[in-house]
Amino acid sequence: MKNVILREQLKIQDEPQELRLFGGKILHLQEDRQGLGRIDIWFETFTVPTNQALTRFRIVGTGHEFENGWNHVATVVMSSGLVWHVYREFVWQIG
């Protein structure tokens, strides 16, 4: 089986959001290239997904409170000067 690198986008919002990363390993996060005010996330996965790992992400601004139990993934500095801290929580897999 071979791997491939894919890209998804995270919206900057207060509520957690979910992505199916197909068991993917997160490689990099940065401000989106289209100027939409989102965060691009690149991840490595299989070319033929064997399962769909549902991962919940949370975007937190500096100085903002949030619940325990989240794992830090990256900090993204936007061109506007805003700084967002990206956390994730593994939820479950589909067989």
Protein backbone atom coordinates (compact mmCIF):
# COMPACT_ATOMS: atom_id res chain seq x y z
CA MET A 1 0.00 0.00 0.00
CA LYS A 2 1.25 3.52 -0.80
CA ASN A 3 0.78 6.81 1.03
CA VAL A 4 -0.43 10.16 -0.22
CA ILE A 5 -0.43 13.68 1.27
CA LEU A 6 -3.81 15.44 1.36
CA ARG A 7 -5.01 18.86 2.50
CA GLU A 8 -8.18 19.93 4.29
CA GLN A 9 -9.27 23.23 5.87
CA LEU A 10 -10.33 24.15 9.38
CA LYS A 11 -12.72 27.03 9.95
CA ILE A 12 -11.79 29.50 12.66
CA GLN A 13 -14.75 29.13 15.00
CA ASP A 14 -15.50 28.63 18.69
CA GLU A 15 -17.16 25.23 18.27
CA PRO A 16 -15.20 22.01 17.75
CA GLN A 17 -15.21 20.68 14.19
CA GLU A 18 -14.63 17.20 12.81
CA LEU A 19 -12.54 15.92 9.91
CA ARG A 20 -12.07 12.41 8.56
CA LEU A 21 -8.30 12.07 8.20
CA PHE A 22 -8.37 8.38 7.19
CA GLY A 23 -5.97 7.53 10.01
CA GLY A 24 -3.69 10.30 8.79
CA LYS A 25 -0.55 11.66 10.38
CA ILE A 26 -0.70 15.47 10.63
CA LEU A 27 2.25 17.08 8.83
CA HIS A 28 1.72 20.85 8.86
CA LEU A 29 -0.76 23.66 9.52
CA GLN A 30 -0.72 27.25 8.27
CA GLU A 31 -2.98 30.10 7.17
CA ASP A 32 -4.94 29.13 4.06
CA ARG A 33 -3.47 30.17 0.72
CA GLN A 34 -6.79 31.47 -0.66
CA GLY A 35 -7.14 34.22 1.95
CA LEU A 36 -10.42 32.81 3.29
CA GLY A 37 -9.40 33.23 6.94
CA ARG A 38 -9.12 29.49 7.50
CA ILE A 39 -6.31 27.12 8.45
CA ASP A 40 -4.92 24.58 5.97
CA ILE A 41 -3.99 21.20 7.40
CA TRP A 42 -1.83 18.70 5.52
CA PHE A 43 -1.81 15.04 6.51
CA GLU A 44 -0.29 11.79 5.30
CA THR A 45 -2.62 8.86 4.69
CA PHE A 46 -3.06 5.70 2.64
CA THR A 47 -3.99 5.94 -1.05
CA VAL A 48 -6.78 3.44 -0.36
CA PRO A 49 -8.24 4.30 3.07
CA THR A 50 -8.75 1.24 5.25
CA ASN A 51 -10.66 3.18 7.90
CA GLN A 52 -11.91 6.66 8.52
CA ALA A 53 -10.50 8.22 11.66
CA LEU A 54 -12.85 10.91 12.85
CA THR A 55 -10.82 13.62 14.57
CA ARG A 56 -12.28 16.60 16.41
CA PHE A 57 -10.37 19.89 16.22
CA ARG A 58 -10.64 22.99 18.37
CA ILE A 59 -9.25 26.43 17.47
CA VAL A 60 -8.32 28.50 20.54
CA GLY A 61 -7.21 32.13 20.64
CA THR A 62 -4.46 33.24 23.00
CA GLY A 63 -5.93 33.99 26.43
CA HIS A 64 -9.17 32.10 25.77
CA GLU A 65 -10.34 29.30 28.06
CA PHE A 66 -11.19 25.79 26.84
CA GLU A 67 -11.89 22.35 28.31
CA ASN A 68 -9.18 19.86 29.35
CA GLY A 69 -8.58 16.73 27.30
CA TRP A 70 -7.39 18.30 24.04
CA ASN A 71 -3.90 17.69 22.56
CA HIS A 72 -1.97 20.60 21.02
CA VAL A 73 -1.18 20.12 17.31
CA ALA A 74 0.22 23.48 16.20
CA THR A 75 0.15 27.24 16.61
CA VAL A 76 -0.67 29.27 13.49
CA VAL A 77 0.22 32.96 13.13
CA MET A 78 -2.06 34.66 10.61
CA SER A 79 -1.01 37.53 8.34
CA SER A 80 -3.46 39.72 10.29
CA GLY A 81 -1.34 39.16 13.41
CA LEU A 82 -3.92 36.92 15.12
CA VAL A 83 -2.53 33.74 16.66
CA TRP A 84 -4.56 30.52 16.79
CA HIS A 85 -3.69 27.39 18.74
CA VAL A 86 -5.00 24.18 17.17
CA TYR A 87 -5.90 21.23 19.40
CA ARG A 88 -7.30 17.83 18.50
CA GLU A 89 -9.17 14.96 20.08
CA PHE A 90 -9.34 11.54 18.45
CA VAL A 91 -12.98 10.45 18.38
CA TRP A 92 -13.40 7.06 16.68
CA GLN A 93 -12.81 4.98 13.55
CA ILE A 94 -15.14 3.44 11.01
CA GLY A 95 -14.01 -0.11 10.27
